Amino acid sequence: MMRQKRQVYNPFLPLNEYIPDGEPHVFEGRIYLFGSHDRFNGDRYCMDDYVCYSADIHDITDWKMEGVIYRKDQDPRNMTGSHCLWAPDVAKGPDGKYYLYYCFDTLPEIGVAVSSQPYGPYDYLGLVHDSNGTVLGRGAGDLIQFDPGIFIDHDDEIYLYSGNAPRHQNEEMNKGSQVMRLYPDMITLKDKPRPLIPDVRNSRGTGFEGHEFFEASSIR
């Protein structure tokens, strides 16, 4: 006899929960929802630590709160907790571990944390850097990093996306849409970042007019 499934409604999260920038991933038969974490009545975006919800892929009416998976003060750059964690993303690396990519509000780098399980807890690993050890975002000519997205293709190439761009032509910002490849260690750049999607400053004649890149580099 089949168990009757209960009706589920949107929003499916508790009404006191705010997870913008949602990134769903399926790992080992469960769907995991990652994202930034707003605070009720907060005065800034993404003030709280990262949490995770998950559900069996065969019954997405029954969501489980996995708890806090990464605290913002775990990063040595933010031991006081004054910076906010913006939109993250997660991928399963070639070694079978899970890698969490994130950035802080006013800092230019991309942080990486690692866990043996998709639901964490995640431990701080380091900052994305090149083979010489230069941290992405700190090198000459580097853009400010923003809302990273991670994708591993069928040929095992690892692509990291990042970017933020101005809304208007007259705004000047050291930002833009870019993509770069990583080595299998999931933190070292395999090549230099390259431009990806035009923003309002350089879209003329590209076909992106009116649909330029603004922010959030999820490829899903």
C-alpha atoms as a PDB file:
ATOM      1  CA  MET A   1       0.000   0.000   0.000  1.00  0.00           C
ATOM      2  CA  MET A   2       1.504   3.334  -1.056  1.00  0.00           C
ATOM      3  CA  ARG A   3       1.922   5.943   1.638  1.00  0.00           C
ATOM      4  CA  GLN A   4      -0.155   8.985   0.818  1.00  0.00           C
ATOM      5  CA  LYS A   5       2.076  12.009   0.355  1.00  0.00           C
ATOM      6  CA  ARG A   6       1.131  15.166   2.151  1.00  0.00           C
ATOM      7  CA  GLN A   7       0.393  18.343   0.267  1.00  0.00           C
ATOM      8  CA  VAL A   8       3.278  20.801   0.124  1.00  0.00           C
ATOM      9  CA  TYR A   9       2.996  24.516  -0.458  1.00  0.00           C
ATOM     10  CA  ASN A  10       5.287  27.400  -1.356  1.00  0.00           C
ATOM     11  CA  PRO A  11       7.183  28.714   0.394  1.00  0.00           C
ATOM     12  CA  PHE A  12       8.266  25.228   1.461  1.00  0.00           C
ATOM     13  CA  LEU A  13      10.729  26.561   4.052  1.00  0.00           C
ATOM     14  CA  PRO A  14       9.573  27.695   7.504  1.00  0.00           C
ATOM     15  CA  LEU A  15       8.166  31.208   7.427  1.00  0.00           C
ATOM     16  CA  ASN A  16      10.981  32.475   9.649  1.00  0.00           C
ATOM     17  CA  GLU A  17      13.636  31.251   7.202  1.00  0.00           C
ATOM     18  CA  TYR A  18      15.129  33.402   4.440  1.00  0.00           C
ATOM     19  CA  ILE A  19      17.522  31.742   1.968  1.00  0.00           C
ATOM     20  CA  PRO A  20      18.001  33.891  -1.139  1.00  0.00           C
ATOM     21  CA  ASP A  21      20.381  32.990  -3.974  1.00  0.00           C
ATOM     22  CA  GLY A  22      19.279  29.356  -3.736  1.00  0.00           C
ATOM     23  CA  GLU A  23      21.509  26.718  -5.357  1.00  0.00           C
ATOM     24  CA  PRO A  24      19.958  23.210  -5.361  1.00  0.00           C
ATOM     25  CA  HIS A  25      22.221  20.204  -5.914  1.00  0.00           C
ATOM     26  CA  VAL A  26      21.520  16.463  -5.910  1.00  0.00           C
ATOM     27  CA  PHE A  27      24.105  14.380  -4.041  1.00  0.00           C
ATOM     28  CA  GLU A  28      23.692  10.709  -3.126  1.00  0.00           C
ATOM     29  CA  GLY A  29      19.932  10.594  -3.651  1.00  0.00           C
ATOM     30  CA  ARG A  30      19.094  13.793  -1.775  1.00  0.00           C
ATOM     31  CA  ILE A  31      18.540  17.340  -2.972  1.00  0.00           C
ATOM     32  CA  TYR A  32      20.387  19.971  -0.958  1.00  0.00           C
ATOM     33  CA  LEU A  33      19.477  23.641  -0.934  1.00  0.00           C
ATOM     34  CA  PHE A  34      22.426  25.975  -0.427  1.00  0.00           C
ATOM     35  CA  GLY A  35      22.240  29.746  -0.417  1.00  0.00           C
ATOM     36  CA  SER A  36      22.978  32.909   1.477  1.00  0.00           C
ATOM     37  CA  HIS A  37      21.058  33.567   4.687  1.00  0.00           C
ATOM     38  CA  ASP A  38      19.095  36.709   5.405  1.00  0.00           C
ATOM     39  CA  ARG A  39      18.067  37.743   8.913  1.00  0.00           C
ATOM     40  CA  PHE A  40      14.553  38.819   9.836  1.00  0.00           C
ATOM     41  CA  ASN A  41      14.473  42.608  10.116  1.00  0.00           C
ATOM     42  CA  GLY A  42      18.187  42.747   9.292  1.00  0.00           C
ATOM     43  CA  ASP A  43      19.711  45.979   8.049  1.00  0.00           C
ATOM     44  CA  ARG A  44      22.017  44.283   5.512  1.00  0.00           C
ATOM     45  CA  TYR A  45      21.844  41.380   3.078  1.00  0.00           C
ATOM     46  CA  CYS A  46      23.013  37.902   4.126  1.00  0.00           C
ATOM     47  CA  MET A  47      23.792  38.622   7.773  1.00  0.00           C
ATOM     48  CA  ASP A  48      23.563  35.047   9.085  1.00  0.00           C
ATOM     49  CA  ASP A  49      25.713  31.920   8.779  1.00  0.00           C
ATOM     50  CA  TYR A  50      25.111  29.406   6.003  1.00  0.00           C
ATOM     51  CA  VAL A  51      22.481  26.751   6.676  1.00  0.00           C
ATOM     52  CA  CYS A  52      21.279  23.855   4.529  1.00  0.00           C
ATOM     53  CA  TYR A  53      17.968  22.077   3.938  1.00  0.00           C
ATOM     54  CA  SER A  54      17.673  18.704   2.211  1.00  0.00           C
ATOM     55  CA  ALA A  55      15.029  16.270   0.991  1.00  0.00           C
ATOM     56  CA  ASP A  56      14.887  12.824  -0.573  1.00  0.00           C
ATOM     57  CA  ILE A  57      14.663  13.174  -4.358  1.00  0.00           C
ATOM     58  CA  HIS A  58      11.604  10.879  -4.291  1.00  0.00           C
ATOM     59  CA  ASP A  59       9.734  13.002  -1.747  1.00  0.00           C
ATOM     60  CA  ILE A  60      10.433  16.720  -1.873  1.00  0.00           C
ATOM     61  CA  THR A  61       7.493  17.407   0.432  1.00  0.00           C
ATOM     62  CA  ASP A  62       9.617  16.408   3.434  1.00  0.00           C
ATOM     63  CA  TRP A  63      12.513  18.819   4.023  1.00  0.00           C
ATOM     64  CA  LYS A  64      15.108  18.401   6.764  1.00  0.00           C
ATOM     65  CA  MET A  65      16.979  21.268   8.383  1.00  0.00           C
ATOM     66  CA  GLU A  66      20.657  20.221   8.364  1.00  0.00           C
ATOM     67  CA  GLY A  67      21.683  23.095  10.634  1.00  0.00           C
ATOM     68  CA  VAL A  68      24.492  25.614  10.297  1.00  0.00           C
ATOM     69  CA  ILE A  69      27.013  24.258   7.800  1.00  0.00           C
ATOM     70  CA  TYR A  70      29.528  27.131   7.811  1.00  0.00           C
ATOM     71  CA  ARG A  71      29.945  30.092  10.135  1.00  0.00           C
ATOM     72  CA  LYS A  72      31.151  33.418   8.816  1.00  0.00           C
ATOM     73  CA  ASP A  73      33.742  33.702  11.600  1.00  0.00           C
ATOM     74  CA  GLN A  74      35.467  30.465  10.503  1.00  0.00           C
ATOM     75  CA  ASP A  75      37.294  32.431   7.811  1.00  0.00           C
ATOM     76  CA  PRO A  76      40.453  34.055   9.289  1.00  0.00           C
ATOM     77  CA  ARG A  77      39.589  37.283   7.449  1.00  0.00           C
ATOM     78  CA  ASN A  78      36.364  37.589   9.426  1.00  0.00           C
ATOM     79  CA  MET A  79      37.034  36.378  12.955  1.00  0.00           C
ATOM     80  CA  THR A  80      34.916  39.204  14.372  1.00  0.00           C
ATOM     81  CA  GLY A  81      31.976  38.245  12.136  1.00  0.00           C
ATOM     82  CA  SER A  82      31.602  41.783  10.815  1.00  0.00           C
ATOM     83  CA  HIS A  83      31.455  40.749   7.128  1.00  0.00           C
ATOM     84  CA  CYS A  84      28.408  39.088   5.565  1.00  0.00           C
ATOM     85  CA  LEU A  85      28.490  35.850   3.578  1.00  0.00           C
ATOM     86  CA  TRP A  86      27.066  36.375   0.105  1.00  0.00           C
ATOM     87  CA  ALA A  87      25.744  33.838  -2.429  1.00  0.00           C
ATOM     88  CA  PRO A  88      27.660  30.510  -2.261  1.00  0.00           C
ATOM     89  CA  ASP A  89      27.857  27.388  -4.386  1.00  0.00           C
ATOM     90  CA  VAL A  90      28.900  23.768  -3.753  1.00  0.00           C
ATOM     91  CA  ALA A  91      30.428  21.007  -5.876  1.00  0.00           C
ATOM     92  CA  LYS A  92      31.652  17.467  -5.261  1.00  0.00           C
ATOM     93  CA  GLY A  93      35.353  17.346  -6.075  1.00  0.00           C
ATOM     94  CA  PRO A  94      37.328  14.552  -7.779  1.00  0.00           C
ATOM     95  CA  ASP A  95      38.435  13.350  -4.342  1.00  0.00           C
ATOM     96  CA  GLY A  96      34.824  12.780  -3.243  1.00  0.00           C
ATOM     97  CA  LYS A  97      34.816  15.709  -0.836  1.00  0.00           C
ATOM     98  CA  TYR A  98      32.436  18.664  -1.051  1.00  0.00           C
ATOM     99  CA  TYR A  99      33.695  22.181  -1.697  1.00  0.00           C
ATOM    100  CA  LEU A 100      31.874  25.363  -0.725  1.00  0.00           C
ATOM    101  CA  TYR A 101      32.726  28.601  -2.578  1.00  0.00           C
ATOM    102  CA  TYR A 102      31.796  31.979  -1.124  1.00  0.00           C
ATOM    103  CA  CYS A 103      32.709  35.641  -0.859  1.00  0.00           C
ATOM    104  CA  PHE A 104      32.226  38.363   1.732  1.00  0.00           C
ATOM    105  CA  ASP A 105      30.471  41.671   1.197  1.00  0.00           C
ATOM    106  CA  THR A 106      33.424  44.069   0.782  1.00  0.00           C
ATOM    107  CA  LEU A 107      36.372  41.687   0.387  1.00  0.00           C
ATOM    108  CA  PRO A 108      37.760  40.908  -3.102  1.00  0.00           C
ATOM    109  CA  GLU A 109      38.659  37.206  -2.788  1.00  0.00           C
ATOM    110  CA  ILE A 110      36.837  33.866  -3.102  1.00  0.00           C
ATOM    111  CA  GLY A 111      36.966  31.638  -0.025  1.00  0.00           C
ATOM    112  CA  VAL A 112      36.777  27.843  -0.132  1.00  0.00           C
ATOM    113  CA  ALA A 113      35.624  25.462   2.599  1.00  0.00           C
ATOM    114  CA  VAL A 114      35.552  21.659   2.490  1.00  0.00           C
ATOM    115  CA  SER A 115      33.556  18.821   4.048  1.00  0.00           C
ATOM    116  CA  SER A 116      33.315  15.057   3.732  1.00  0.00           C
ATOM    117  CA  GLN A 117      29.517  15.379   3.575  1.00  0.00           C
ATOM    118  CA  PRO A 118      27.304  17.703   1.493  1.00  0.00           C
ATOM    119  CA  TYR A 119      25.490  18.864   4.623  1.00  0.00           C
ATOM    120  CA  GLY A 120      28.728  19.788   6.374  1.00  0.00           C
ATOM    121  CA  PRO A 121      29.968  20.990   8.669  1.00  0.00           C
ATOM    122  CA  TYR A 122      32.467  22.688   6.356  1.00  0.00           C
ATOM    123  CA  ASP A 123      35.998  23.646   7.396  1.00  0.00           C
ATOM    124  CA  TYR A 124      37.912  26.613   6.031  1.00  0.00           C
ATOM    125  CA  LEU A 125      40.359  25.537   3.311  1.00  0.00           C
ATOM    126  CA  GLY A 126      41.763  28.760   1.878  1.00  0.00           C
ATOM    127  CA  LEU A 127      41.431  31.371  -0.862  1.00  0.00           C
ATOM    128  CA  VAL A 128      41.393  30.684  -4.597  1.00  0.00           C
ATOM    129  CA  HIS A 129      44.888  31.431  -5.913  1.00  0.00           C
ATOM    130  CA  ASP A 130      47.147  30.860  -8.899  1.00  0.00           C
ATOM    131  CA  SER A 131      50.062  28.440  -9.134  1.00  0.00           C
ATOM    132  CA  ASN A 132      52.420  31.095  -7.777  1.00  0.00           C
ATOM    133  CA  GLY A 133      50.295  31.567  -4.680  1.00  0.00           C
ATOM    134  CA  THR A 134      48.843  34.940  -5.692  1.00  0.00           C
ATOM    135  CA  VAL A 135      45.301  35.149  -4.334  1.00  0.00           C
ATOM    136  CA  LEU A 136      42.592  35.823  -6.921  1.00  0.00           C
ATOM    137  CA  GLY A 137      41.300  39.339  -6.342  1.00  0.00           C
ATOM    138  CA  ARG A 138      44.616  40.629  -5.006  1.00  0.00           C
ATOM    139  CA  GLY A 139      46.722  40.368  -8.177  1.00  0.00           C
ATOM    140  CA  ALA A 140      47.445  43.209 -10.570  1.00  0.00           C
ATOM    141  CA  GLY A 141      44.445  43.716 -12.836  1.00  0.00           C
ATOM    142  CA  ASP A 142      42.240  41.266 -10.926  1.00  0.00           C
ATOM    143  CA  LEU A 143      38.550  42.010 -10.666  1.00  0.00           C
ATOM    144  CA  ILE A 144      36.684  42.068  -7.369  1.00  0.00           C
ATOM    145  CA  GLN A 145      35.171  38.615  -6.928  1.00  0.00           C
ATOM    146  CA  PHE A 146      31.438  38.231  -6.325  1.00  0.00           C
ATOM    147  CA  ASP A 147      28.863  35.419  -5.881  1.00  0.00           C
ATOM    148  CA  PRO A 148      30.962  32.496  -7.163  1.00  0.00           C
ATOM    149  CA  GLY A 149      29.437  29.593  -9.090  1.00  0.00           C
ATOM    150  CA  ILE A 150      31.163  26.231  -9.575  1.00  0.00           C
ATOM    151  CA  PHE A 151      30.573  23.611 -12.277  1.00  0.00           C
ATOM    152  CA  ILE A 152      32.344  20.321 -13.115  1.00  0.00           C
ATOM    153  CA  ASP A 153      31.756  19.191 -16.688  1.00  0.00           C
ATOM    154  CA  HIS A 154      31.472  15.611 -17.986  1.00  0.00           C
ATOM    155  CA  ASP A 155      35.150  15.732 -19.010  1.00  0.00           C
ATOM    156  CA  ASP A 156      36.108  16.598 -15.402  1.00  0.00           C
ATOM    157  CA  GLU A 157      37.088  20.177 -16.228  1.00  0.00           C
ATOM    158  CA  ILE A 158      36.310  22.422 -13.257  1.00  0.00           C
ATOM    159  CA  TYR A 159      34.899  25.871 -14.046  1.00  0.00           C
ATOM    160  CA  LEU A 160      34.622  28.711 -11.541  1.00  0.00           C
ATOM    161  CA  TYR A 161      32.393  31.684 -12.356  1.00  0.00           C
ATOM    162  CA  SER A 162      32.355  35.047 -10.631  1.00  0.00           C
ATOM    163  CA  GLY A 163      31.121  38.540 -11.287  1.00  0.00           C
ATOM    164  CA  ASN A 164      29.233  41.704 -10.612  1.00  0.00           C
ATOM    165  CA  ALA A 165      28.645  44.604 -12.982  1.00  0.00           C
ATOM    166  CA  PRO A 166      27.199  48.132 -13.021  1.00  0.00           C
ATOM    167  CA  ARG A 167      23.567  48.785 -13.774  1.00  0.00           C
ATOM    168  CA  HIS A 168      24.225  51.893 -15.869  1.00  0.00           C
ATOM    169  CA  GLN A 169      26.668  52.993 -18.551  1.00  0.00           C
ATOM    170  CA  ASN A 170      28.077  55.851 -16.486  1.00  0.00           C
ATOM    171  CA  GLU A 171      29.042  53.669 -13.522  1.00  0.00           C
ATOM    172  CA  GLU A 172      32.690  52.648 -13.230  1.00  0.00           C
ATOM    173  CA  MET A 173      33.363  49.498 -11.215  1.00  0.00           C
ATOM    174  CA  ASN A 174      36.286  47.099 -11.022  1.00  0.00           C
ATOM    175  CA  LYS A 175      33.939  44.247 -11.701  1.00  0.00           C
ATOM    176  CA  GLY A 176      32.657  42.078 -14.535  1.00  0.00           C
ATOM    177  CA  SER A 177      31.545  38.599 -15.543  1.00  0.00           C
ATOM    178  CA  GLN A 178      34.350  36.055 -15.777  1.00  0.00           C
ATOM    179  CA  VAL A 179      35.111  32.341 -15.890  1.00  0.00           C
ATOM    180  CA  MET A 180      38.251  30.427 -14.998  1.00  0.00           C
ATOM    181  CA  ARG A 181      39.317  26.789 -14.656  1.00  0.00           C
ATOM    182  CA  LEU A 182      40.606  25.104 -11.502  1.00  0.00           C
ATOM    183  CA  TYR A 183      43.000  22.209 -10.958  1.00  0.00           C
ATOM    184  CA  PRO A 184      41.570  19.078  -9.274  1.00  0.00           C
ATOM    185  CA  ASP A 185      42.608  20.438  -5.871  1.00  0.00           C
ATOM    186  CA  MET A 186      39.560  22.721  -6.308  1.00  0.00           C
ATOM    187  CA  ILE A 187      41.381  25.873  -5.182  1.00  0.00           C
ATOM    188  CA  THR A 188      44.275  26.537  -7.595  1.00  0.00           C
ATOM    189  CA  LEU A 189      43.665  28.379 -10.877  1.00  0.00           C
ATOM    190  CA  LYS A 190      44.513  26.380 -13.989  1.00  0.00           C
ATOM    191  CA  ASP A 191      44.366  29.455 -16.215  1.00  0.00           C
ATOM    192  CA  LYS A 192      43.706  33.158 -15.934  1.00  0.00           C
ATOM    193  CA  PRO A 193      40.133  34.434 -15.664  1.00  0.00           C
ATOM    194  CA  ARG A 194      38.594  35.477 -18.955  1.00  0.00           C
ATOM    195  CA  PRO A 195      35.575  37.695 -19.723  1.00  0.00           C
ATOM    196  CA  LEU A 196      32.303  35.833 -20.087  1.00  0.00           C
ATOM    197  CA  ILE A 197      29.101  37.875 -20.488  1.00  0.00           C
ATOM    198  CA  PRO A 198      29.052  41.562 -21.538  1.00  0.00           C
ATOM    199  CA  ASP A 199      27.791  44.171 -19.108  1.00  0.00           C
ATOM    200  CA  VAL A 200      26.168  47.523 -19.939  1.00  0.00           C
ATOM    201  CA  ARG A 201      29.565  49.081 -20.661  1.00  0.00           C
ATOM    202  CA  ASN A 202      30.558  46.680 -23.440  1.00  0.00           C
ATOM    203  CA  SER A 203      27.411  45.029 -24.809  1.00  0.00           C
ATOM    204  CA  ARG A 204      26.944  47.115 -27.970  1.00  0.00           C
ATOM    205  CA  GLY A 205      26.920  44.874 -31.037  1.00  0.00           C
ATOM    206  CA  THR A 206      27.090  41.639 -29.040  1.00  0.00           C
ATOM    207  CA  GLY A 207      23.394  40.732 -29.018  1.00  0.00           C
ATOM    208  CA  PHE A 208      23.251  41.147 -25.241  1.00  0.00           C
ATOM    209  CA  GLU A 209      21.798  44.662 -25.437  1.00  0.00           C
ATOM    210  CA  GLY A 210      19.020  44.909 -22.862  1.00  0.00           C
ATOM    211  CA  HIS A 211      20.061  41.572 -21.331  1.00  0.00           C
ATOM    212  CA  GLU A 212      23.495  42.442 -19.998  1.00  0.00           C
ATOM    213  CA  PHE A 213      25.154  40.739 -17.058  1.00  0.00           C
ATOM    214  CA  PHE A 214      24.537  42.353 -13.682  1.00  0.00           C
ATOM    215  CA  GLU A 215      25.347  39.936 -10.870  1.00  0.00           C
ATOM    216  CA  ALA A 216      25.206  36.363  -9.546  1.00  0.00           C
ATOM    217  CA  SER A 217      27.144  33.890 -11.672  1.00  0.00           C
ATOM    218  CA  SER A 218      25.018  30.770 -11.280  1.00  0.00           C
ATOM    219  CA  ILE A 219      24.935  28.836 -14.535  1.00  0.00           C
ATOM    220  CA  ARG A 220      21.804  26.995 -13.423  1.00  0.00           C
END
